[in-house]
Amino acid sequence: MLKHTKNEEGKEIVVDMSDNGHAIYTKSIVVRPIEENDYRFIDKWWKDATGKTPPERSLLPENGLHGLMVCKNNNPVACTYLYLTNSKMGYCDYMIGDPEYREKDRYELILQLMVGAIRTANNLGYEDFWFLTKEEGLLEKCKELGVKVSKEKYHVVTLPANKTKLDCGITSLLNKTNIQNGEKK
């Protein structure tokens, strides 16, 4: 459970209540939950960094409010979303950062964001938690820090949500698996 509060210096911080009240922050770096007003930055980052529109809020956990933002000197730098499943496995996705932030500590801030996400997942009882990225610089930084990085190249396979049957020769995939419209036959 994450809670907004202020430290001794009056800086807004996030306290992870499931970790006996230990705050996730260092010096002028704060990792906090994403707030509704952060979307004035996040939507712009998506457009500027990728040239694409941001993901639909309905695709984000808790309509886009179940994620973390890393800030330096109260300025948002990057965010990610925590997808927590009904098993002991979760993951982060849709990590995006301010494309105009080019300071030398960019990767360190993103790593702080990742650490905040991992701590949050661990404190919520998740045993396996992972990130996907193709950002080579971030992968190299993770390797330098001894973080396990798989060698496999992954491909994301997406199916249109309105497609109910996929032809697989004589039978459809749905009939083969005995699943139809999300319900077992």
N, C-alpha and C. Protein backbone atom coordinates (compact mmCIF):
# COMPACT_ATOMS: atom_id res chain seq x y z
N MET A 1 0.85 -1.17 0.00
CA MET A 1 0.00 0.00 0.00
C MET A 1 0.90 1.24 0.00
N LEU A 2 0.75 2.08 -1.01
CA LEU A 2 1.55 3.28 -1.11
C LEU A 2 0.76 4.47 -0.58
N LYS A 3 1.45 5.35 0.14
CA LYS A 3 0.79 6.51 0.74
C LYS A 3 1.65 7.75 0.52
N HIS A 4 1.02 8.84 0.12
CA HIS A 4 1.73 10.13 -0.01
C HIS A 4 1.89 10.75 1.37
N THR A 5 3.07 11.30 1.62
CA THR A 5 3.33 12.01 2.87
C THR A 5 4.48 12.98 2.62
N LYS A 6 4.96 13.64 3.65
CA LYS A 6 6.11 14.54 3.51
C LYS A 6 7.21 14.09 4.46
N ASN A 7 8.47 14.25 4.02
CA ASN A 7 9.59 13.89 4.88
C ASN A 7 9.90 15.06 5.80
N GLU A 8 10.99 14.93 6.58
CA GLU A 8 11.37 15.95 7.55
C GLU A 8 11.63 17.31 6.91
N GLU A 9 12.06 17.31 5.64
CA GLU A 9 12.37 18.55 4.94
C GLU A 9 11.15 19.14 4.24
N GLY A 10 10.00 18.48 4.38
CA GLY A 10 8.78 18.97 3.74
C GLY A 10 8.61 18.51 2.31
N LYS A 11 9.51 17.62 1.81
CA LYS A 11 9.39 17.10 0.45
C LYS A 11 8.32 16.02 0.44
N GLU A 12 7.49 16.04 -0.64
CA GLU A 12 6.48 14.99 -0.78
C GLU A 12 7.19 13.70 -1.17
N ILE A 13 6.87 12.63 -0.46
CA ILE A 13 7.46 11.33 -0.73
C ILE A 13 6.36 10.29 -0.74
N VAL A 14 6.72 9.07 -1.12
CA VAL A 14 5.81 7.95 -1.07
C VAL A 14 6.32 6.98 -0.02
N VAL A 15 5.43 6.58 0.86
CA VAL A 15 5.79 5.60 1.87
C VAL A 15 5.10 4.29 1.51
N ASP A 16 5.87 3.24 1.49
CA ASP A 16 5.33 1.91 1.22
C ASP A 16 4.91 1.32 2.56
N MET A 17 3.62 1.38 2.85
CA MET A 17 3.11 0.96 4.15
C MET A 17 3.25 -0.55 4.37
N SER A 18 3.36 -1.32 3.30
CA SER A 18 3.51 -2.76 3.46
C SER A 18 4.94 -3.14 3.80
N ASP A 19 5.84 -2.17 3.85
CA ASP A 19 7.24 -2.42 4.18
C ASP A 19 7.60 -1.66 5.47
N ASN A 20 6.70 -1.72 6.45
CA ASN A 20 6.89 -1.06 7.74
C ASN A 20 7.17 0.44 7.60
N GLY A 21 6.57 1.07 6.60
CA GLY A 21 6.66 2.51 6.47
C GLY A 21 7.95 3.04 5.90
N HIS A 22 8.73 2.23 5.19
CA HIS A 22 9.96 2.72 4.59
C HIS A 22 9.62 3.48 3.31
N ALA A 23 10.19 4.64 3.14
CA ALA A 23 9.92 5.47 1.97
C ALA A 23 10.79 5.05 0.80
N ILE A 24 10.26 5.26 -0.39
CA ILE A 24 11.00 5.01 -1.62
C ILE A 24 11.47 6.37 -2.12
N TYR A 25 12.64 6.80 -1.70
CA TYR A 25 13.20 8.05 -2.21
C TYR A 25 14.67 8.13 -1.86
N THR A 26 15.40 8.91 -2.61
CA THR A 26 16.80 9.19 -2.33
C THR A 26 17.09 10.62 -2.74
N LYS A 27 17.70 11.37 -1.84
CA LYS A 27 18.06 12.77 -2.11
C LYS A 27 16.90 13.50 -2.75
N SER A 28 17.07 13.94 -3.98
CA SER A 28 16.03 14.68 -4.67
C SER A 28 15.22 13.79 -5.61
N ILE A 29 15.39 12.48 -5.49
CA ILE A 29 14.69 11.53 -6.35
C ILE A 29 13.54 10.92 -5.56
N VAL A 30 12.35 10.97 -6.14
CA VAL A 30 11.17 10.40 -5.50
C VAL A 30 10.48 9.47 -6.49
N VAL A 31 10.11 8.29 -6.02
CA VAL A 31 9.26 7.38 -6.79
C VAL A 31 7.92 7.36 -6.09
N ARG A 32 6.87 7.73 -6.83
CA ARG A 32 5.55 7.87 -6.25
C ARG A 32 4.50 7.29 -7.19
N PRO A 33 3.30 7.06 -6.68
CA PRO A 33 2.22 6.58 -7.57
C PRO A 33 1.88 7.63 -8.63
N ILE A 34 1.47 7.15 -9.79
CA ILE A 34 0.99 8.04 -10.84
C ILE A 34 -0.31 8.68 -10.36
N GLU A 35 -0.44 9.96 -10.65
CA GLU A 35 -1.65 10.71 -10.29
C GLU A 35 -2.34 11.18 -11.57
N GLU A 36 -3.60 11.48 -11.45
CA GLU A 36 -4.38 11.93 -12.61
C GLU A 36 -3.72 13.11 -13.32
N ASN A 37 -3.23 14.08 -12.57
CA ASN A 37 -2.65 15.27 -13.22
C ASN A 37 -1.32 14.98 -13.92
N ASP A 38 -0.73 13.79 -13.72
CA ASP A 38 0.50 13.42 -14.42
C ASP A 38 0.25 13.22 -15.91
N TYR A 39 -1.00 13.03 -16.29
CA TYR A 39 -1.28 12.76 -17.70
C TYR A 39 -1.03 13.97 -18.60
N ARG A 40 -0.88 15.14 -18.02
CA ARG A 40 -0.49 16.29 -18.86
C ARG A 40 0.94 16.10 -19.35
N PHE A 41 1.77 15.33 -18.59
CA PHE A 41 3.13 14.99 -19.03
C PHE A 41 3.13 13.70 -19.84
N ILE A 42 2.50 12.68 -19.29
CA ILE A 42 2.59 11.33 -19.87
C ILE A 42 2.10 11.32 -21.32
N ASP A 43 0.94 11.90 -21.58
CA ASP A 43 0.40 11.91 -22.94
C ASP A 43 1.35 12.63 -23.90
N LYS A 44 1.94 13.72 -23.46
CA LYS A 44 2.90 14.47 -24.30
C LYS A 44 4.15 13.63 -24.55
N TRP A 45 4.64 12.93 -23.52
CA TRP A 45 5.82 12.08 -23.70
C TRP A 45 5.58 11.05 -24.79
N TRP A 46 4.41 10.41 -24.76
CA TRP A 46 4.12 9.38 -25.77
C TRP A 46 4.15 9.97 -27.16
N LYS A 47 3.51 11.10 -27.33
CA LYS A 47 3.46 11.73 -28.66
C LYS A 47 4.85 12.17 -29.10
N ASP A 48 5.62 12.79 -28.20
CA ASP A 48 6.93 13.31 -28.56
C ASP A 48 7.98 12.20 -28.74
N ALA A 49 7.94 11.19 -27.89
CA ALA A 49 8.97 10.14 -27.93
C ALA A 49 8.72 9.10 -29.00
N THR A 50 7.45 8.79 -29.25
CA THR A 50 7.15 7.68 -30.17
C THR A 50 6.44 8.13 -31.44
N GLY A 51 5.88 9.33 -31.43
CA GLY A 51 5.10 9.78 -32.56
C GLY A 51 3.72 9.12 -32.61
N LYS A 52 3.41 8.37 -31.57
CA LYS A 52 2.13 7.65 -31.52
C LYS A 52 1.26 8.23 -30.42
N THR A 53 0.00 7.88 -30.48
CA THR A 53 -0.89 8.28 -29.40
C THR A 53 -0.62 7.38 -28.19
N PRO A 54 -0.87 7.86 -27.00
CA PRO A 54 -0.65 7.05 -25.80
C PRO A 54 -1.58 5.84 -25.80
N PRO A 55 -1.23 4.79 -25.05
CA PRO A 55 -2.14 3.65 -24.95
C PRO A 55 -3.47 4.10 -24.34
N GLU A 56 -4.53 3.46 -24.75
CA GLU A 56 -5.84 3.75 -24.18
C GLU A 56 -5.78 3.50 -22.68
N ARG A 57 -6.39 4.37 -21.92
CA ARG A 57 -6.38 4.23 -20.46
C ARG A 57 -7.02 2.91 -20.03
N SER A 58 -7.98 2.42 -20.82
CA SER A 58 -8.64 1.15 -20.47
C SER A 58 -7.68 -0.03 -20.56
N LEU A 59 -6.53 0.13 -21.23
CA LEU A 59 -5.53 -0.94 -21.33
C LEU A 59 -4.53 -0.88 -20.19
N LEU A 60 -4.59 0.18 -19.42
CA LEU A 60 -3.65 0.36 -18.32
C LEU A 60 -4.29 -0.09 -17.01
N PRO A 61 -3.50 -0.61 -16.08
CA PRO A 61 -4.08 -1.07 -14.82
C PRO A 61 -4.73 0.08 -14.04
N GLU A 62 -5.90 -0.21 -13.50
CA GLU A 62 -6.67 0.79 -12.73
C GLU A 62 -6.86 2.08 -13.53
N ASN A 63 -7.14 1.90 -14.83
CA ASN A 63 -7.39 3.02 -15.72
C ASN A 63 -6.23 4.02 -15.72
N GLY A 64 -5.02 3.49 -15.62
CA GLY A 64 -3.82 4.33 -15.70
C GLY A 64 -3.30 4.86 -14.39
N LEU A 65 -3.93 4.48 -13.28
CA LEU A 65 -3.48 5.01 -11.99
C LEU A 65 -2.75 3.97 -11.15
N HIS A 66 -2.48 2.80 -11.71
CA HIS A 66 -1.72 1.79 -10.98
C HIS A 66 -0.33 1.69 -11.61
N GLY A 67 0.43 2.73 -11.38
CA GLY A 67 1.78 2.80 -11.90
C GLY A 67 2.60 3.71 -11.01
N LEU A 68 3.86 3.84 -11.36
CA LEU A 68 4.78 4.66 -10.59
C LEU A 68 5.44 5.69 -11.48
N MET A 69 5.76 6.83 -10.87
CA MET A 69 6.43 7.93 -11.55
C MET A 69 7.71 8.23 -10.77
N VAL A 70 8.82 8.40 -11.49
CA VAL A 70 10.05 8.85 -10.84
C VAL A 70 10.21 10.33 -11.16
N CYS A 71 10.52 11.10 -10.10
CA CYS A 71 10.69 12.55 -10.23
C CYS A 71 12.05 12.95 -9.67
N LYS A 72 12.63 13.96 -10.27
CA LYS A 72 13.86 14.54 -9.74
C LYS A 72 13.57 16.02 -9.50
N ASN A 73 13.82 16.47 -8.28
CA ASN A 73 13.52 17.85 -7.90
C ASN A 73 12.08 18.21 -8.25
N ASN A 74 11.17 17.29 -7.96
CA ASN A 74 9.73 17.45 -8.20
C ASN A 74 9.34 17.49 -9.68
N ASN A 75 10.26 17.19 -10.57
CA ASN A 75 9.95 17.16 -12.00
C ASN A 75 9.82 15.72 -12.47
N PRO A 76 8.66 15.34 -13.03
CA PRO A 76 8.48 13.97 -13.53
C PRO A 76 9.49 13.66 -14.64
N VAL A 77 10.08 12.45 -14.56
CA VAL A 77 11.09 12.05 -15.53
C VAL A 77 10.65 10.82 -16.31
N ALA A 78 10.04 9.83 -15.65
CA ALA A 78 9.62 8.59 -16.32
C ALA A 78 8.55 7.90 -15.48
N CYS A 79 7.79 7.03 -16.14
CA CYS A 79 6.78 6.26 -15.42
C CYS A 79 6.65 4.86 -16.02
N THR A 80 6.04 3.97 -15.26
CA THR A 80 5.73 2.62 -15.72
C THR A 80 4.47 2.16 -15.02
N TYR A 81 3.87 1.11 -15.54
CA TYR A 81 2.61 0.59 -15.00
C TYR A 81 2.82 -0.82 -14.48
N LEU A 82 2.22 -1.10 -13.32
CA LEU A 82 2.35 -2.40 -12.67
C LEU A 82 1.11 -3.24 -12.97
N TYR A 83 1.32 -4.31 -13.68
CA TYR A 83 0.26 -5.26 -13.97
C TYR A 83 0.40 -6.41 -12.97
N LEU A 84 -0.51 -6.47 -12.04
CA LEU A 84 -0.47 -7.49 -11.01
C LEU A 84 -1.58 -8.49 -11.30
N THR A 85 -1.21 -9.75 -11.35
CA THR A 85 -2.14 -10.78 -11.77
C THR A 85 -2.77 -11.47 -10.57
N ASN A 86 -3.64 -12.45 -10.84
CA ASN A 86 -4.25 -13.21 -9.76
C ASN A 86 -3.37 -14.41 -9.36
N SER A 87 -2.13 -14.41 -9.85
CA SER A 87 -1.14 -15.39 -9.41
C SER A 87 -0.05 -14.61 -8.68
N LYS A 88 1.06 -15.23 -8.40
CA LYS A 88 2.17 -14.56 -7.71
C LYS A 88 3.16 -13.97 -8.72
N MET A 89 2.69 -13.70 -9.95
CA MET A 89 3.53 -13.14 -11.00
C MET A 89 2.93 -11.82 -11.46
N GLY A 90 3.79 -10.83 -11.66
CA GLY A 90 3.36 -9.55 -12.20
C GLY A 90 4.44 -9.00 -13.10
N TYR A 91 4.12 -7.92 -13.79
CA TYR A 91 5.11 -7.33 -14.68
C TYR A 91 4.83 -5.84 -14.88
N CYS A 92 5.83 -5.15 -15.42
CA CYS A 92 5.68 -3.75 -15.77
C CYS A 92 5.68 -3.61 -17.27
N ASP A 93 4.90 -2.64 -17.73
CA ASP A 93 4.84 -2.38 -19.16
C ASP A 93 4.54 -0.91 -19.38
N TYR A 94 4.63 -0.51 -20.63
CA TYR A 94 4.36 0.87 -21.05
C TYR A 94 5.24 1.87 -20.30
N MET A 95 6.51 1.51 -20.09
CA MET A 95 7.43 2.47 -19.49
C MET A 95 7.70 3.57 -20.51
N ILE A 96 7.63 4.80 -20.06
CA ILE A 96 7.87 5.95 -20.94
C ILE A 96 8.55 7.03 -20.13
N GLY A 97 9.41 7.78 -20.78
CA GLY A 97 10.11 8.86 -20.10
C GLY A 97 10.02 10.15 -20.88
N ASP A 98 10.38 11.20 -20.22
CA ASP A 98 10.40 12.51 -20.84
C ASP A 98 11.52 12.53 -21.88
N PRO A 99 11.19 12.62 -23.17
CA PRO A 99 12.24 12.58 -24.20
C PRO A 99 13.17 13.80 -24.16
N GLU A 100 12.76 14.85 -23.46
CA GLU A 100 13.60 16.04 -23.37
C GLU A 100 14.57 15.97 -22.19
N TYR A 101 14.39 14.99 -21.30
CA TYR A 101 15.30 14.85 -20.16
C TYR A 101 16.53 14.07 -20.63
N ARG A 102 17.66 14.75 -20.74
CA ARG A 102 18.88 14.14 -21.27
C ARG A 102 20.05 14.22 -20.30
N GLU A 103 19.77 14.37 -19.02
CA GLU A 103 20.85 14.44 -18.03
C GLU A 103 21.57 13.09 -17.94
N LYS A 104 22.79 13.11 -17.40
CA LYS A 104 23.59 11.90 -17.29
C LYS A 104 22.97 10.85 -16.39
N ASP A 105 22.09 11.28 -15.48
CA ASP A 105 21.50 10.33 -14.53
C ASP A 105 20.19 9.70 -15.04
N ARG A 106 19.89 9.85 -16.32
CA ARG A 106 18.64 9.32 -16.87
C ARG A 106 18.45 7.83 -16.56
N TYR A 107 19.46 7.02 -16.86
CA TYR A 107 19.33 5.58 -16.61
C TYR A 107 19.23 5.27 -15.11
N GLU A 108 19.95 6.01 -14.30
CA GLU A 108 19.87 5.78 -12.86
C GLU A 108 18.46 6.07 -12.34
N LEU A 109 17.84 7.11 -12.88
CA LEU A 109 16.47 7.42 -12.47
C LEU A 109 15.50 6.33 -12.91
N ILE A 110 15.70 5.83 -14.12
CA ILE A 110 14.83 4.75 -14.60
C ILE A 110 15.06 3.49 -13.77
N LEU A 111 16.31 3.24 -13.38
CA LEU A 111 16.58 2.09 -12.51
C LEU A 111 15.90 2.27 -11.15
N GLN A 112 15.89 3.50 -10.63
CA GLN A 112 15.17 3.76 -9.38
C GLN A 112 13.68 3.46 -9.54
N LEU A 113 13.14 3.81 -10.68
CA LEU A 113 11.74 3.51 -10.98
C LEU A 113 11.51 2.00 -10.98
N MET A 114 12.42 1.27 -11.61
CA MET A 114 12.31 -0.19 -11.65
C MET A 114 12.41 -0.78 -10.24
N VAL A 115 13.34 -0.27 -9.44
CA VAL A 115 13.49 -0.75 -8.06
C VAL A 115 12.20 -0.48 -7.28
N GLY A 116 11.62 0.70 -7.46
CA GLY A 116 10.35 1.01 -6.79
C GLY A 116 9.25 0.05 -7.19
N ALA A 117 9.19 -0.31 -8.46
CA ALA A 117 8.18 -1.26 -8.93
C ALA A 117 8.41 -2.65 -8.34
N ILE A 118 9.67 -3.08 -8.31
CA ILE A 118 9.99 -4.40 -7.77
C ILE A 118 9.69 -4.45 -6.28
N ARG A 119 10.07 -3.42 -5.55
CA ARG A 119 9.77 -3.36 -4.10
C ARG A 119 8.27 -3.41 -3.85
N THR A 120 7.53 -2.64 -4.63
CA THR A 120 6.08 -2.63 -4.47
C THR A 120 5.50 -4.02 -4.71
N ALA A 121 5.92 -4.67 -5.79
CA ALA A 121 5.43 -6.02 -6.10
C ALA A 121 5.83 -7.00 -5.00
N ASN A 122 7.08 -6.94 -4.55
CA ASN A 122 7.53 -7.84 -3.47
C ASN A 122 6.72 -7.62 -2.20
N ASN A 123 6.48 -6.37 -1.86
CA ASN A 123 5.72 -6.06 -0.65
C ASN A 123 4.26 -6.50 -0.75
N LEU A 124 3.77 -6.64 -1.97
CA LEU A 124 2.41 -7.13 -2.16
C LEU A 124 2.36 -8.65 -2.27
N GLY A 125 3.51 -9.31 -2.12
CA GLY A 125 3.55 -10.78 -2.10
C GLY A 125 3.84 -11.44 -3.43
N TYR A 126 4.24 -10.67 -4.44
CA TYR A 126 4.54 -11.26 -5.74
C TYR A 126 5.94 -11.87 -5.71
N GLU A 127 6.05 -13.08 -6.26
CA GLU A 127 7.31 -13.82 -6.23
C GLU A 127 8.10 -13.68 -7.52
N ASP A 128 7.42 -13.39 -8.62
CA ASP A 128 8.08 -13.22 -9.91
C ASP A 128 7.58 -11.92 -10.51
N PHE A 129 8.51 -11.05 -10.88
CA PHE A 129 8.14 -9.75 -11.40
C PHE A 129 9.16 -9.36 -12.45
N TRP A 130 8.71 -8.95 -13.62
CA TRP A 130 9.64 -8.68 -14.71
C TRP A 130 9.22 -7.48 -15.55
N PHE A 131 10.18 -7.03 -16.36
CA PHE A 131 10.01 -5.92 -17.28
C PHE A 131 10.37 -6.40 -18.68
N LEU A 132 9.76 -5.81 -19.67
CA LEU A 132 10.19 -6.01 -21.05
C LEU A 132 10.72 -4.68 -21.56
N THR A 133 11.85 -4.71 -22.23
CA THR A 133 12.36 -3.50 -22.87
C THR A 133 13.26 -3.89 -24.03
N LYS A 134 13.32 -3.03 -25.01
CA LYS A 134 14.27 -3.22 -26.11
C LYS A 134 15.30 -2.09 -26.10
N GLU A 135 15.26 -1.27 -25.08
CA GLU A 135 16.18 -0.14 -24.93
C GLU A 135 17.56 -0.68 -24.57
N GLU A 136 18.47 -0.67 -25.56
CA GLU A 136 19.79 -1.27 -25.38
C GLU A 136 20.58 -0.64 -24.24
N GLY A 137 20.52 0.67 -24.10
CA GLY A 137 21.26 1.34 -23.03
C GLY A 137 20.80 0.88 -21.66
N LEU A 138 19.49 0.72 -21.49
CA LEU A 138 18.94 0.24 -20.22
C LEU A 138 19.34 -1.21 -19.97
N LEU A 139 19.30 -2.03 -21.01
CA LEU A 139 19.72 -3.43 -20.87
C LEU A 139 21.18 -3.53 -20.43
N GLU A 140 22.05 -2.73 -21.03
CA GLU A 140 23.47 -2.73 -20.66
C GLU A 140 23.67 -2.29 -19.22
N LYS A 141 22.94 -1.26 -18.81
CA LYS A 141 23.05 -0.76 -17.43
C LYS A 141 22.59 -1.84 -16.46
N CYS A 142 21.52 -2.54 -16.79
CA CYS A 142 21.03 -3.63 -15.93
C CYS A 142 22.07 -4.74 -15.81
N LYS A 143 22.69 -5.10 -16.92
CA LYS A 143 23.73 -6.13 -16.90
C LYS A 143 24.91 -5.71 -16.02
N GLU A 144 25.31 -4.44 -16.13
CA GLU A 144 26.41 -3.92 -15.30
C GLU A 144 26.09 -4.04 -13.82
N LEU A 145 24.83 -3.90 -13.48
CA LEU A 145 24.42 -3.98 -12.07
C LEU A 145 24.16 -5.41 -11.61
N GLY A 146 24.35 -6.38 -12.51
CA GLY A 146 24.14 -7.77 -12.14
C GLY A 146 22.70 -8.23 -12.21
N VAL A 147 21.84 -7.45 -12.86
CA VAL A 147 20.44 -7.85 -13.02
C VAL A 147 20.36 -8.89 -14.13
N LYS A 148 19.57 -9.92 -13.91
CA LYS A 148 19.41 -10.97 -14.91
C LYS A 148 18.66 -10.43 -16.11
N VAL A 149 19.28 -10.53 -17.28
CA VAL A 149 18.68 -10.10 -18.54
C VAL A 149 18.70 -11.30 -19.48
N SER A 150 17.52 -11.71 -19.95
CA SER A 150 17.46 -12.89 -20.82
C SER A 150 18.10 -12.57 -22.17
N LYS A 151 18.60 -13.60 -22.82
CA LYS A 151 19.23 -13.44 -24.12
C LYS A 151 18.22 -13.56 -25.25
N GLU A 152 17.05 -14.13 -24.95
CA GLU A 152 16.06 -14.35 -25.99
C GLU A 152 15.48 -13.04 -26.49
N LYS A 153 15.21 -12.99 -27.76
CA LYS A 153 14.47 -11.87 -28.34
C LYS A 153 13.00 -12.30 -28.34
N TYR A 154 12.16 -11.48 -27.78
CA TYR A 154 10.75 -11.80 -27.70
C TYR A 154 9.98 -11.06 -28.77
N HIS A 155 8.89 -11.64 -29.18
CA HIS A 155 7.99 -11.01 -30.11
C HIS A 155 6.62 -10.92 -29.45
N VAL A 156 6.03 -9.77 -29.53
CA VAL A 156 4.70 -9.58 -28.96
C VAL A 156 3.68 -9.97 -30.02
N VAL A 157 2.79 -10.87 -29.65
CA VAL A 157 1.74 -11.33 -30.54
C VAL A 157 0.43 -10.77 -30.01
N THR A 158 -0.25 -9.98 -30.80
CA THR A 158 -1.52 -9.41 -30.36
C THR A 158 -2.62 -9.83 -31.32
N LEU A 159 -3.77 -10.06 -30.76
CA LEU A 159 -4.93 -10.43 -31.55
C LEU A 159 -5.98 -9.35 -31.40
N PRO A 160 -6.69 -9.04 -32.46
CA PRO A 160 -7.75 -8.04 -32.32
C PRO A 160 -8.81 -8.52 -31.34
N ALA A 161 -9.25 -7.63 -30.46
CA ALA A 161 -10.20 -8.01 -29.42
C ALA A 161 -11.53 -8.47 -29.98
N ASN A 162 -11.91 -8.02 -31.17
CA ASN A 162 -13.21 -8.39 -31.71
C ASN A 162 -13.18 -9.69 -32.51
N LYS A 163 -12.04 -10.34 -32.61
CA LYS A 163 -11.91 -11.58 -33.37
C LYS A 163 -12.23 -12.74 -32.44
N THR A 164 -13.30 -13.46 -32.71
CA THR A 164 -13.70 -14.55 -31.82
C THR A 164 -13.20 -15.91 -32.29
N LYS A 165 -12.88 -16.04 -33.56
CA LYS A 165 -12.39 -17.33 -34.05
C LYS A 165 -11.18 -17.12 -34.94
N LEU A 166 -10.23 -18.00 -34.80
CA LEU A 166 -9.05 -18.01 -35.65
C LEU A 166 -9.03 -19.35 -36.36
N ASP A 167 -8.93 -19.33 -37.67
CA ASP A 167 -8.93 -20.58 -38.40
C ASP A 167 -7.59 -21.28 -38.25
N CYS A 168 -7.63 -22.52 -37.82
CA CYS A 168 -6.43 -23.37 -37.69
C CYS A 168 -6.72 -24.67 -38.45
N GLY A 169 -6.64 -24.61 -39.74
CA GLY A 169 -6.95 -25.80 -40.51
C GLY A 169 -8.43 -26.08 -40.45
N ILE A 170 -8.78 -27.29 -39.98
CA ILE A 170 -10.18 -27.71 -39.96
C ILE A 170 -10.94 -27.11 -38.79
N THR A 171 -10.30 -26.98 -37.64
CA THR A 171 -10.99 -26.46 -36.45
C THR A 171 -10.45 -25.10 -36.08
N SER A 172 -11.21 -24.36 -35.33
CA SER A 172 -10.73 -23.05 -34.88
C SER A 172 -9.93 -23.22 -33.59
N LEU A 173 -9.10 -22.28 -33.31
CA LEU A 173 -8.30 -22.30 -32.09
C LEU A 173 -9.20 -22.34 -30.87
N LEU A 174 -10.29 -21.62 -30.92
CA LEU A 174 -11.19 -21.59 -29.77
C LEU A 174 -11.81 -22.97 -29.51
N ASN A 175 -12.20 -23.67 -30.56
CA ASN A 175 -12.76 -25.01 -30.37
C ASN A 175 -11.69 -25.97 -29.88
N LYS A 176 -10.48 -25.81 -30.36
CA LYS A 176 -9.38 -26.67 -29.96
C LYS A 176 -9.09 -26.55 -28.47
N THR A 177 -9.23 -25.35 -27.92
CA THR A 177 -8.92 -25.13 -26.51
C THR A 177 -10.15 -25.16 -25.61
N ASN A 178 -11.32 -25.38 -26.19
CA ASN A 178 -12.58 -25.43 -25.42
C ASN A 178 -12.88 -24.12 -24.71
N ILE A 179 -12.46 -23.03 -25.27
CA ILE A 179 -12.75 -21.73 -24.67
C ILE A 179 -13.53 -20.91 -25.69
N GLN A 180 -14.60 -20.32 -25.26
CA GLN A 180 -15.39 -19.47 -26.14
C GLN A 180 -15.81 -18.23 -25.38
N ASN A 181 -15.46 -17.07 -25.91
CA ASN A 181 -15.82 -15.79 -25.28
C ASN A 181 -15.43 -15.73 -23.81
N GLY A 182 -14.26 -16.25 -23.49
CA GLY A 182 -13.76 -16.15 -22.13
C GLY A 182 -14.31 -17.20 -21.18
N GLU A 183 -15.21 -18.07 -21.64
CA GLU A 183 -15.79 -19.09 -20.75
C GLU A 183 -15.43 -20.47 -21.28
N LYS A 184 -15.13 -21.39 -20.37
CA LYS A 184 -14.86 -22.77 -20.77
C LYS A 184 -16.16 -23.44 -21.14
N LYS A 185 -16.11 -24.29 -22.16
CA LYS A 185 -17.31 -25.04 -22.56
C LYS A 185 -17.60 -26.15 -21.57
